[in-house]
Amino acid sequence: MYCPQCATPNADDVKFCRSCGTGLQAVALALSGKHVETAEASANKNEAKTAQDWLEKRIEGAIGITRGSILLTVSLLIGAAMALFLPVSFGVPWILIWIVFFGWMAVWGGIEMAYGISGVLESKSRLRLMGLTGKDAAIDAVPQGLSGGEPPKIASPAAAFGVSPPMSITEGTTRKLDDNVEK
């Protein structure tokens, strides 16, 4: 392989030109027919998120807020129990014991809540920039299945609460013969 900078011949397995030091990995990948991904392409790839991705991030943020709240609450309840029930004659202040054994739970809970709040706020603002609210995005982000992602049509409200027949393999590809759809 020849260096694209100085045209010095180099072995095919070298990473840098022996004459000028230019990186030859991209040249080797291009000659072998493999795809060379630049930093810009990978950054654009990471930024191209859909409404469904932002909804999932919002759900993960809510889970983080809940988990952090539980950790913080349990830690504070244990501290309160130690303050109430640890005898004064114990010799060591209850707050030191709580800090050593359960203070990490409070810190972990606070961090988890902070990450959850930031995830919810980021996803909410991204959905708003996309022109969607949380409810609109949840309706628009119906998974694409055999029926093309369209919500099922119900003939009457009473039919929605009835027992439906079992799903078939061809569900959504052919119409059912026993449907009582009013036209």
N, C-alpha and C. Protein backbone atom coordinates (compact mmCIF):
# COMPACT_ATOMS: atom_id res chain seq x y z
N MET A 1 0.85 -1.16 0.00
CA MET A 1 0.00 0.00 0.00
C MET A 1 0.90 1.24 0.00
N TYR A 2 0.44 2.24 -0.73
CA TYR A 2 1.19 3.49 -0.82
C TYR A 2 0.55 4.55 0.07
N CYS A 3 1.39 5.36 0.69
CA CYS A 3 0.92 6.44 1.56
C CYS A 3 0.23 7.50 0.70
N PRO A 4 -0.98 7.96 1.09
CA PRO A 4 -1.66 8.99 0.31
C PRO A 4 -1.00 10.37 0.46
N GLN A 5 -0.16 10.54 1.48
CA GLN A 5 0.48 11.83 1.72
C GLN A 5 1.79 11.99 0.93
N CYS A 6 2.67 10.95 1.02
CA CYS A 6 4.00 11.09 0.42
C CYS A 6 4.31 10.03 -0.64
N ALA A 7 3.39 9.09 -0.87
CA ALA A 7 3.52 8.03 -1.89
C ALA A 7 4.63 7.04 -1.59
N THR A 8 5.02 6.90 -0.34
CA THR A 8 6.02 5.91 0.05
C THR A 8 5.36 4.53 0.13
N PRO A 9 5.98 3.50 -0.43
CA PRO A 9 5.41 2.16 -0.30
C PRO A 9 5.55 1.65 1.14
N ASN A 10 4.47 1.06 1.67
CA ASN A 10 4.44 0.53 3.03
C ASN A 10 3.83 -0.87 2.99
N ALA A 11 4.10 -1.66 4.03
CA ALA A 11 3.48 -2.98 4.14
C ALA A 11 1.99 -2.81 4.42
N ASP A 12 1.21 -3.83 4.07
CA ASP A 12 -0.23 -3.73 4.21
C ASP A 12 -0.71 -3.73 5.67
N ASP A 13 0.09 -4.25 6.58
CA ASP A 13 -0.36 -4.37 7.96
C ASP A 13 0.13 -3.25 8.88
N VAL A 14 0.76 -2.21 8.36
CA VAL A 14 1.26 -1.12 9.20
C VAL A 14 0.16 -0.09 9.43
N LYS A 15 0.26 0.59 10.57
CA LYS A 15 -0.74 1.59 10.92
C LYS A 15 -0.32 3.00 10.51
N PHE A 16 0.98 3.24 10.42
CA PHE A 16 1.48 4.56 10.08
C PHE A 16 2.53 4.46 8.97
N CYS A 17 2.64 5.51 8.17
CA CYS A 17 3.63 5.56 7.09
C CYS A 17 5.03 5.59 7.70
N ARG A 18 5.94 4.81 7.13
CA ARG A 18 7.30 4.76 7.66
C ARG A 18 8.10 6.01 7.31
N SER A 19 7.61 6.81 6.37
CA SER A 19 8.33 8.00 5.98
C SER A 19 7.79 9.27 6.65
N CYS A 20 6.49 9.50 6.52
CA CYS A 20 5.93 10.77 7.02
C CYS A 20 5.08 10.60 8.28
N GLY A 21 4.71 9.37 8.65
CA GLY A 21 3.94 9.14 9.87
C GLY A 21 2.44 9.29 9.73
N THR A 22 1.93 9.44 8.52
CA THR A 22 0.49 9.57 8.31
C THR A 22 -0.21 8.26 8.68
N GLY A 23 -1.38 8.36 9.33
CA GLY A 23 -2.15 7.17 9.69
C GLY A 23 -2.67 6.46 8.45
N LEU A 24 -2.44 5.16 8.38
CA LEU A 24 -2.82 4.38 7.20
C LEU A 24 -3.97 3.42 7.47
N GLN A 25 -4.58 3.48 8.64
CA GLN A 25 -5.68 2.56 8.95
C GLN A 25 -6.87 2.78 8.04
N ALA A 26 -7.23 4.02 7.79
CA ALA A 26 -8.36 4.32 6.91
C ALA A 26 -8.08 3.84 5.49
N VAL A 27 -6.84 3.97 5.03
CA VAL A 27 -6.47 3.50 3.70
C VAL A 27 -6.59 1.98 3.63
N ALA A 28 -6.10 1.30 4.68
CA ALA A 28 -6.17 -0.16 4.70
C ALA A 28 -7.61 -0.64 4.71
N LEU A 29 -8.48 0.03 5.47
CA LEU A 29 -9.89 -0.34 5.49
C LEU A 29 -10.56 -0.08 4.14
N ALA A 30 -10.22 1.03 3.53
CA ALA A 30 -10.80 1.36 2.22
C ALA A 30 -10.36 0.35 1.17
N LEU A 31 -9.09 -0.05 1.20
CA LEU A 31 -8.59 -1.03 0.22
C LEU A 31 -9.22 -2.41 0.43
N SER A 32 -9.53 -2.75 1.67
CA SER A 32 -10.13 -4.06 1.93
C SER A 32 -11.63 -4.05 1.69
N GLY A 33 -12.21 -2.88 1.42
CA GLY A 33 -13.64 -2.78 1.13
C GLY A 33 -14.51 -2.63 2.36
N LYS A 34 -13.92 -2.44 3.53
CA LYS A 34 -14.69 -2.26 4.76
C LYS A 34 -15.13 -0.81 4.88
N HIS A 35 -16.18 -0.61 5.65
CA HIS A 35 -16.75 0.72 5.84
C HIS A 35 -15.91 1.51 6.84
N VAL A 36 -15.58 2.75 6.49
CA VAL A 36 -14.86 3.64 7.38
C VAL A 36 -15.86 4.64 7.93
N GLU A 37 -16.06 4.64 9.26
CA GLU A 37 -17.01 5.55 9.87
C GLU A 37 -16.26 6.70 10.53
N THR A 38 -16.59 7.91 10.15
CA THR A 38 -15.93 9.07 10.73
C THR A 38 -16.58 9.45 12.04
N ALA A 39 -15.95 10.33 12.77
CA ALA A 39 -16.49 10.78 14.06
C ALA A 39 -17.78 11.55 13.84
N GLU A 40 -17.88 12.33 12.76
CA GLU A 40 -19.10 13.09 12.48
C GLU A 40 -20.27 12.15 12.19
N ALA A 41 -20.02 11.09 11.43
CA ALA A 41 -21.09 10.15 11.11
C ALA A 41 -21.58 9.43 12.36
N SER A 42 -20.67 9.05 13.26
CA SER A 42 -21.10 8.38 14.48
C SER A 42 -21.83 9.34 15.40
N ALA A 43 -21.44 10.63 15.43
CA ALA A 43 -22.15 11.61 16.26
C ALA A 43 -23.55 11.84 15.72
N ASN A 44 -23.70 11.95 14.39
CA ASN A 44 -25.02 12.12 13.81
C ASN A 44 -25.89 10.89 14.03
N LYS A 45 -25.27 9.73 14.02
CA LYS A 45 -25.99 8.49 14.23
C LYS A 45 -26.56 8.44 15.65
N ASN A 46 -25.80 8.92 16.63
CA ASN A 46 -26.25 8.92 18.01
C ASN A 46 -27.33 9.97 18.25
N GLU A 47 -27.33 11.06 17.49
CA GLU A 47 -28.29 12.12 17.70
C GLU A 47 -29.64 11.85 17.05
N ALA A 48 -29.68 10.96 16.09
CA ALA A 48 -30.92 10.69 15.37
C ALA A 48 -31.81 9.76 16.17
N LYS A 49 -32.46 10.29 17.20
CA LYS A 49 -33.35 9.50 18.04
C LYS A 49 -34.78 9.80 17.66
N THR A 50 -35.62 8.80 17.78
CA THR A 50 -37.02 8.95 17.45
C THR A 50 -37.81 9.32 18.71
N ALA A 51 -39.08 9.59 18.50
CA ALA A 51 -39.96 9.91 19.63
C ALA A 51 -40.05 8.71 20.57
N GLN A 52 -40.02 7.51 20.03
CA GLN A 52 -40.07 6.30 20.86
C GLN A 52 -38.85 6.24 21.78
N ASP A 53 -37.67 6.59 21.27
CA ASP A 53 -36.46 6.58 22.09
C ASP A 53 -36.57 7.58 23.24
N TRP A 54 -37.11 8.76 22.94
CA TRP A 54 -37.25 9.77 23.99
C TRP A 54 -38.32 9.38 24.99
N LEU A 55 -39.36 8.67 24.56
CA LEU A 55 -40.35 8.18 25.52
C LEU A 55 -39.74 7.13 26.44
N GLU A 56 -38.90 6.26 25.89
CA GLU A 56 -38.24 5.26 26.72
C GLU A 56 -37.30 5.93 27.72
N LYS A 57 -36.62 7.00 27.29
CA LYS A 57 -35.74 7.73 28.22
C LYS A 57 -36.57 8.39 29.31
N ARG A 58 -37.74 8.87 28.97
CA ARG A 58 -38.62 9.48 29.96
C ARG A 58 -39.07 8.44 30.99
N ILE A 59 -39.39 7.24 30.52
CA ILE A 59 -39.79 6.17 31.42
C ILE A 59 -38.63 5.77 32.33
N GLU A 60 -37.43 5.66 31.75
CA GLU A 60 -36.25 5.34 32.56
C GLU A 60 -35.99 6.42 33.61
N GLY A 61 -36.22 7.68 33.25
CA GLY A 61 -36.06 8.77 34.21
C GLY A 61 -37.05 8.67 35.35
N ALA A 62 -38.31 8.33 35.02
CA ALA A 62 -39.32 8.17 36.07
C ALA A 62 -38.97 7.00 36.99
N ILE A 63 -38.42 5.94 36.42
CA ILE A 63 -38.00 4.80 37.23
C ILE A 63 -36.85 5.22 38.14
N GLY A 64 -35.92 6.02 37.63
CA GLY A 64 -34.81 6.52 38.44
C GLY A 64 -35.28 7.40 39.58
N ILE A 65 -36.26 8.25 39.31
CA ILE A 65 -36.81 9.10 40.37
C ILE A 65 -37.45 8.25 41.45
N THR A 66 -38.21 7.24 41.04
CA THR A 66 -38.86 6.36 42.01
C THR A 66 -37.84 5.59 42.83
N ARG A 67 -36.85 5.00 42.16
CA ARG A 67 -35.82 4.23 42.87
C ARG A 67 -35.05 5.12 43.83
N GLY A 68 -34.68 6.31 43.40
CA GLY A 68 -33.96 7.23 44.27
C GLY A 68 -34.78 7.66 45.47
N SER A 69 -36.07 7.90 45.23
CA SER A 69 -36.96 8.29 46.34
C SER A 69 -37.06 7.18 47.37
N ILE A 70 -37.16 5.94 46.90
CA ILE A 70 -37.25 4.80 47.82
C ILE A 70 -35.97 4.67 48.63
N LEU A 71 -34.81 4.76 47.97
CA LEU A 71 -33.54 4.65 48.69
C LEU A 71 -33.39 5.75 49.73
N LEU A 72 -33.72 6.96 49.35
CA LEU A 72 -33.59 8.10 50.26
C LEU A 72 -34.55 7.95 51.44
N THR A 73 -35.77 7.54 51.17
CA THR A 73 -36.77 7.38 52.23
C THR A 73 -36.38 6.28 53.20
N VAL A 74 -35.96 5.13 52.67
CA VAL A 74 -35.55 4.03 53.55
C VAL A 74 -34.37 4.44 54.41
N SER A 75 -33.41 5.13 53.83
CA SER A 75 -32.25 5.57 54.58
C SER A 75 -32.65 6.53 55.70
N LEU A 76 -33.53 7.46 55.40
CA LEU A 76 -33.97 8.41 56.43
C LEU A 76 -34.81 7.73 57.50
N LEU A 77 -35.62 6.74 57.12
CA LEU A 77 -36.41 6.00 58.12
C LEU A 77 -35.51 5.20 59.05
N ILE A 78 -34.47 4.60 58.51
CA ILE A 78 -33.52 3.87 59.36
C ILE A 78 -32.82 4.84 60.30
N GLY A 79 -32.45 6.01 59.81
CA GLY A 79 -31.83 7.02 60.67
C GLY A 79 -32.77 7.48 61.77
N ALA A 80 -34.04 7.67 61.44
CA ALA A 80 -35.02 8.08 62.45
C ALA A 80 -35.22 6.99 63.49
N ALA A 81 -35.26 5.73 63.04
CA ALA A 81 -35.41 4.62 63.98
C ALA A 81 -34.20 4.53 64.91
N MET A 82 -33.02 4.75 64.37
CA MET A 82 -31.82 4.73 65.21
C MET A 82 -31.86 5.87 66.22
N ALA A 83 -32.33 7.03 65.81
CA ALA A 83 -32.39 8.17 66.72
C ALA A 83 -33.38 7.92 67.85
N LEU A 84 -34.49 7.22 67.54
CA LEU A 84 -35.52 6.99 68.55
C LEU A 84 -35.21 5.82 69.47
N PHE A 85 -34.65 4.74 68.91
CA PHE A 85 -34.55 3.51 69.68
C PHE A 85 -33.15 3.16 70.16
N LEU A 86 -32.13 3.85 69.74
CA LEU A 86 -30.78 3.56 70.21
C LEU A 86 -30.60 4.19 71.58
N PRO A 87 -30.21 3.40 72.57
CA PRO A 87 -30.09 3.97 73.93
C PRO A 87 -28.98 5.02 73.99
N VAL A 88 -29.18 5.98 74.85
CA VAL A 88 -28.23 7.08 75.01
C VAL A 88 -26.93 6.54 75.60
N SER A 89 -27.02 5.49 76.40
CA SER A 89 -25.84 4.92 77.04
C SER A 89 -25.01 4.05 76.10
N PHE A 90 -25.35 4.05 74.82
CA PHE A 90 -24.64 3.21 73.84
C PHE A 90 -23.19 3.63 73.67
N GLY A 91 -22.90 4.89 73.85
CA GLY A 91 -21.52 5.37 73.80
C GLY A 91 -21.12 5.99 72.48
N VAL A 92 -21.78 5.62 71.38
CA VAL A 92 -21.46 6.18 70.06
C VAL A 92 -22.72 6.92 69.58
N PRO A 93 -22.58 8.16 69.12
CA PRO A 93 -23.77 8.87 68.63
C PRO A 93 -24.42 8.13 67.45
N TRP A 94 -25.74 8.11 67.44
CA TRP A 94 -26.48 7.38 66.40
C TRP A 94 -26.19 7.92 65.01
N ILE A 95 -25.90 9.22 64.91
CA ILE A 95 -25.66 9.82 63.59
C ILE A 95 -24.39 9.27 62.95
N LEU A 96 -23.37 8.94 63.75
CA LEU A 96 -22.15 8.37 63.20
C LEU A 96 -22.40 6.96 62.67
N ILE A 97 -23.16 6.19 63.40
CA ILE A 97 -23.50 4.83 62.94
C ILE A 97 -24.31 4.92 61.64
N TRP A 98 -25.26 5.84 61.61
CA TRP A 98 -26.09 5.99 60.40
C TRP A 98 -25.24 6.41 59.21
N ILE A 99 -24.32 7.34 59.42
CA ILE A 99 -23.47 7.82 58.32
C ILE A 99 -22.60 6.68 57.79
N VAL A 100 -22.04 5.88 58.69
CA VAL A 100 -21.15 4.81 58.27
C VAL A 100 -21.91 3.70 57.54
N PHE A 101 -23.06 3.30 58.07
CA PHE A 101 -23.75 2.14 57.51
C PHE A 101 -24.85 2.46 56.50
N PHE A 102 -25.52 3.60 56.65
CA PHE A 102 -26.66 3.89 55.79
C PHE A 102 -26.59 5.22 55.06
N GLY A 103 -25.56 6.00 55.30
CA GLY A 103 -25.42 7.29 54.62
C GLY A 103 -25.25 7.12 53.11
N TRP A 104 -24.62 6.02 52.69
CA TRP A 104 -24.42 5.77 51.26
C TRP A 104 -25.76 5.61 50.55
N MET A 105 -26.77 5.06 51.27
CA MET A 105 -28.09 4.91 50.65
C MET A 105 -28.71 6.27 50.33
N ALA A 106 -28.52 7.21 51.25
CA ALA A 106 -29.07 8.55 51.02
C ALA A 106 -28.37 9.22 49.85
N VAL A 107 -27.06 9.07 49.77
CA VAL A 107 -26.31 9.67 48.66
C VAL A 107 -26.70 9.01 47.34
N TRP A 108 -26.76 7.69 47.33
CA TRP A 108 -27.14 6.95 46.13
C TRP A 108 -28.55 7.34 45.69
N GLY A 109 -29.47 7.46 46.65
CA GLY A 109 -30.83 7.87 46.33
C GLY A 109 -30.89 9.27 45.74
N GLY A 110 -30.10 10.19 46.30
CA GLY A 110 -30.06 11.55 45.76
C GLY A 110 -29.51 11.59 44.35
N ILE A 111 -28.45 10.83 44.10
CA ILE A 111 -27.87 10.78 42.75
C ILE A 111 -28.84 10.16 41.77
N GLU A 112 -29.49 9.07 42.18
CA GLU A 112 -30.46 8.39 41.31
C GLU A 112 -31.63 9.33 40.96
N MET A 113 -32.09 10.08 41.95
CA MET A 113 -33.17 11.04 41.70
C MET A 113 -32.72 12.14 40.75
N ALA A 114 -31.50 12.63 40.92
CA ALA A 114 -30.99 13.69 40.05
C ALA A 114 -30.90 13.21 38.60
N TYR A 115 -30.37 11.99 38.39
CA TYR A 115 -30.30 11.45 37.03
C TYR A 115 -31.70 11.22 36.45
N GLY A 116 -32.61 10.77 37.28
CA GLY A 116 -33.98 10.57 36.80
C GLY A 116 -34.65 11.86 36.40
N ILE A 117 -34.49 12.88 37.22
CA ILE A 117 -35.09 14.18 36.90
C ILE A 117 -34.48 14.75 35.62
N SER A 118 -33.16 14.63 35.48
CA SER A 118 -32.53 15.16 34.26
C SER A 118 -33.00 14.38 33.03
N GLY A 119 -33.18 13.06 33.15
CA GLY A 119 -33.67 12.27 32.02
C GLY A 119 -35.08 12.65 31.62
N VAL A 120 -35.94 12.85 32.61
CA VAL A 120 -37.33 13.25 32.32
C VAL A 120 -37.36 14.63 31.67
N LEU A 121 -36.59 15.57 32.21
CA LEU A 121 -36.60 16.92 31.65
C LEU A 121 -36.02 16.95 30.24
N GLU A 122 -34.93 16.19 30.01
CA GLU A 122 -34.34 16.17 28.68
C GLU A 122 -35.30 15.56 27.66
N SER A 123 -35.91 14.45 28.02
CA SER A 123 -36.83 13.81 27.07
C SER A 123 -38.05 14.69 26.82
N LYS A 124 -38.52 15.36 27.86
CA LYS A 124 -39.68 16.24 27.70
C LYS A 124 -39.35 17.40 26.76
N SER A 125 -38.17 17.99 26.93
CA SER A 125 -37.80 19.11 26.06
C SER A 125 -37.54 18.64 24.63
N ARG A 126 -36.93 17.46 24.46
CA ARG A 126 -36.69 16.94 23.10
C ARG A 126 -38.02 16.63 22.41
N LEU A 127 -38.96 16.06 23.14
CA LEU A 127 -40.27 15.78 22.54
C LEU A 127 -40.98 17.08 22.18
N ARG A 128 -40.82 18.09 23.01
CA ARG A 128 -41.44 19.38 22.72
C ARG A 128 -40.81 20.00 21.47
N LEU A 129 -39.48 19.86 21.32
CA LEU A 129 -38.81 20.38 20.12
C LEU A 129 -39.25 19.63 18.87
N MET A 130 -39.58 18.35 19.04
CA MET A 130 -40.06 17.56 17.91
C MET A 130 -41.52 17.86 17.59
N GLY A 131 -42.14 18.68 18.42
CA GLY A 131 -43.53 19.05 18.19
C GLY A 131 -44.51 18.06 18.78
N LEU A 132 -44.06 17.25 19.73
CA LEU A 132 -44.92 16.25 20.35
C LEU A 132 -44.97 16.49 21.84
N THR A 133 -46.10 16.17 22.43
CA THR A 133 -46.17 16.12 23.88
C THR A 133 -46.10 14.66 24.27
N GLY A 134 -46.04 14.38 25.52
CA GLY A 134 -45.93 13.00 25.96
C GLY A 134 -47.09 12.14 25.50
N LYS A 135 -48.32 12.67 25.59
CA LYS A 135 -49.49 11.89 25.18
C LYS A 135 -49.52 11.69 23.68
N ASP A 136 -49.22 12.76 22.92
CA ASP A 136 -49.21 12.64 21.46
C ASP A 136 -48.14 11.66 21.01
N ALA A 137 -46.97 11.72 21.64
CA ALA A 137 -45.88 10.83 21.25
C ALA A 137 -46.22 9.39 21.55
N ALA A 138 -46.90 9.16 22.68
CA ALA A 138 -47.27 7.78 23.02
C ALA A 138 -48.27 7.23 22.02
N ILE A 139 -49.15 8.07 21.52
CA ILE A 139 -50.12 7.62 20.52
C ILE A 139 -49.45 7.43 19.18
N ASP A 140 -48.55 8.35 18.82
CA ASP A 140 -47.88 8.26 17.52
C ASP A 140 -46.85 7.15 17.47
N ALA A 141 -46.33 6.73 18.61
CA ALA A 141 -45.25 5.75 18.63
C ALA A 141 -45.76 4.32 18.76
N VAL A 142 -46.92 4.03 18.16
CA VAL A 142 -47.45 2.68 18.18
C VAL A 142 -46.50 1.79 17.40
N PRO A 143 -46.09 0.64 17.98
CA PRO A 143 -45.16 -0.22 17.26
C PRO A 143 -45.74 -0.71 15.95
N GLN A 144 -44.89 -0.78 14.95
CA GLN A 144 -45.31 -1.24 13.64
C GLN A 144 -45.40 -2.76 13.66
N GLY A 145 -46.57 -3.31 13.45
CA GLY A 145 -46.75 -4.75 13.44
C GLY A 145 -47.28 -5.18 12.09
N LEU A 146 -47.98 -6.28 12.10
CA LEU A 146 -48.54 -6.80 10.86
C LEU A 146 -49.65 -5.91 10.32
N SER A 147 -50.32 -5.20 11.23
CA SER A 147 -51.43 -4.38 10.78
C SER A 147 -50.99 -2.99 10.34
N GLY A 148 -49.70 -2.72 10.28
CA GLY A 148 -49.21 -1.44 9.78
C GLY A 148 -49.18 -0.35 10.83
N GLY A 149 -49.37 -0.69 12.11
CA GLY A 149 -49.29 0.29 13.17
C GLY A 149 -50.58 1.05 13.39
N GLU A 150 -51.63 0.70 12.67
CA GLU A 150 -52.91 1.39 12.85
C GLU A 150 -53.60 0.83 14.08
N PRO A 151 -54.26 1.69 14.87
CA PRO A 151 -54.98 1.17 16.02
C PRO A 151 -56.18 0.35 15.55
N PRO A 152 -56.56 -0.67 16.31
CA PRO A 152 -57.69 -1.49 15.88
C PRO A 152 -58.98 -0.68 15.88
N LYS A 153 -59.83 -0.93 14.92
CA LYS A 153 -61.11 -0.24 14.81
C LYS A 153 -62.16 -1.05 15.54
N ILE A 154 -62.94 -0.39 16.39
CA ILE A 154 -63.96 -1.06 17.17
C ILE A 154 -65.31 -0.64 16.62
N ALA A 155 -66.15 -1.63 16.35
CA ALA A 155 -67.46 -1.35 15.76
C ALA A 155 -68.37 -0.65 16.77
N SER A 156 -68.37 -1.11 17.99
CA SER A 156 -69.20 -0.51 19.03
C SER A 156 -68.46 -0.58 20.35
N PRO A 157 -68.78 0.31 21.31
CA PRO A 157 -68.11 0.25 22.60
C PRO A 157 -68.33 -1.06 23.32
N ALA A 158 -69.50 -1.68 23.12
CA ALA A 158 -69.78 -2.96 23.78
C ALA A 158 -68.84 -4.05 23.26
N ALA A 159 -68.46 -3.96 22.00
CA ALA A 159 -67.57 -4.97 21.42
C ALA A 159 -66.17 -4.89 22.01
N ALA A 160 -65.80 -3.72 22.54
CA ALA A 160 -64.47 -3.56 23.11
C ALA A 160 -64.31 -4.38 24.39
N PHE A 161 -65.41 -4.63 25.11
CA PHE A 161 -65.33 -5.35 26.36
C PHE A 161 -65.66 -6.83 26.21
N GLY A 162 -65.98 -7.27 25.02
CA GLY A 162 -66.30 -8.68 24.79
C GLY A 162 -65.03 -9.52 24.69
N VAL A 163 -65.22 -10.82 24.66
CA VAL A 163 -64.10 -11.74 24.53
C VAL A 163 -63.73 -11.83 23.07
N SER A 164 -62.47 -11.64 22.78
CA SER A 164 -62.03 -11.68 21.39
C SER A 164 -61.53 -13.08 21.05
N PRO A 165 -61.65 -13.47 19.81
CA PRO A 165 -61.15 -14.79 19.42
C PRO A 165 -59.62 -14.80 19.48
N PRO A 166 -59.03 -15.97 19.57
CA PRO A 166 -57.57 -16.02 19.64
C PRO A 166 -56.93 -15.46 18.38
N MET A 167 -55.74 -14.89 18.55
CA MET A 167 -55.02 -14.31 17.42
C MET A 167 -54.54 -15.42 16.49
N SER A 168 -54.59 -15.13 15.20
CA SER A 168 -54.10 -16.11 14.23
C SER A 168 -52.75 -15.65 13.69
N ILE A 169 -52.09 -16.54 12.99
CA ILE A 169 -50.79 -16.22 12.41
C ILE A 169 -50.94 -15.13 11.36
N THR A 170 -52.04 -15.11 10.67
CA THR A 170 -52.25 -14.14 9.59
C THR A 170 -53.00 -12.92 10.07
N GLU A 171 -52.98 -12.66 11.37
CA GLU A 171 -53.70 -11.50 11.93
C GLU A 171 -53.24 -10.23 11.24
N GLY A 172 -54.17 -9.48 10.73
CA GLY A 172 -53.86 -8.22 10.08
C GLY A 172 -53.54 -8.34 8.60
N THR A 173 -53.41 -9.55 8.10
CA THR A 173 -53.11 -9.70 6.67
C THR A 173 -54.34 -10.08 5.87
N THR A 174 -55.33 -10.65 6.53
CA THR A 174 -56.60 -10.97 5.86
C THR A 174 -57.73 -10.52 6.77
N ARG A 175 -58.88 -10.30 6.20
CA ARG A 175 -60.00 -9.87 7.05
C ARG A 175 -60.68 -11.11 7.61
N LYS A 176 -61.25 -10.96 8.80
CA LYS A 176 -61.95 -12.06 9.44
C LYS A 176 -63.32 -12.24 8.78
N LEU A 177 -63.76 -13.45 8.67
CA LEU A 177 -65.05 -13.71 8.05
C LEU A 177 -66.20 -13.49 9.01
N ASP A 178 -65.95 -13.60 10.32
CA ASP A 178 -67.05 -13.50 11.27
C ASP A 178 -67.17 -12.12 11.94
N ASP A 179 -66.54 -11.09 11.38
CA ASP A 179 -66.66 -9.74 11.95
C ASP A 179 -68.06 -9.20 11.68
N ASN A 180 -68.62 -8.54 12.69
CA ASN A 180 -69.91 -7.90 12.54
C ASN A 180 -69.70 -6.39 12.52
N VAL A 181 -68.97 -5.91 11.55
CA VAL A 181 -68.66 -4.50 11.44
C VAL A 181 -69.79 -3.79 10.70
N GLU A 182 -70.29 -2.72 11.32
CA GLU A 182 -71.35 -1.96 10.68
C GLU A 182 -70.75 -1.06 9.61
N LYS A 183 -71.37 -1.07 8.46
CA LYS A 183 -70.84 -0.26 7.36
C LYS A 183 -71.77 0.85 7.01
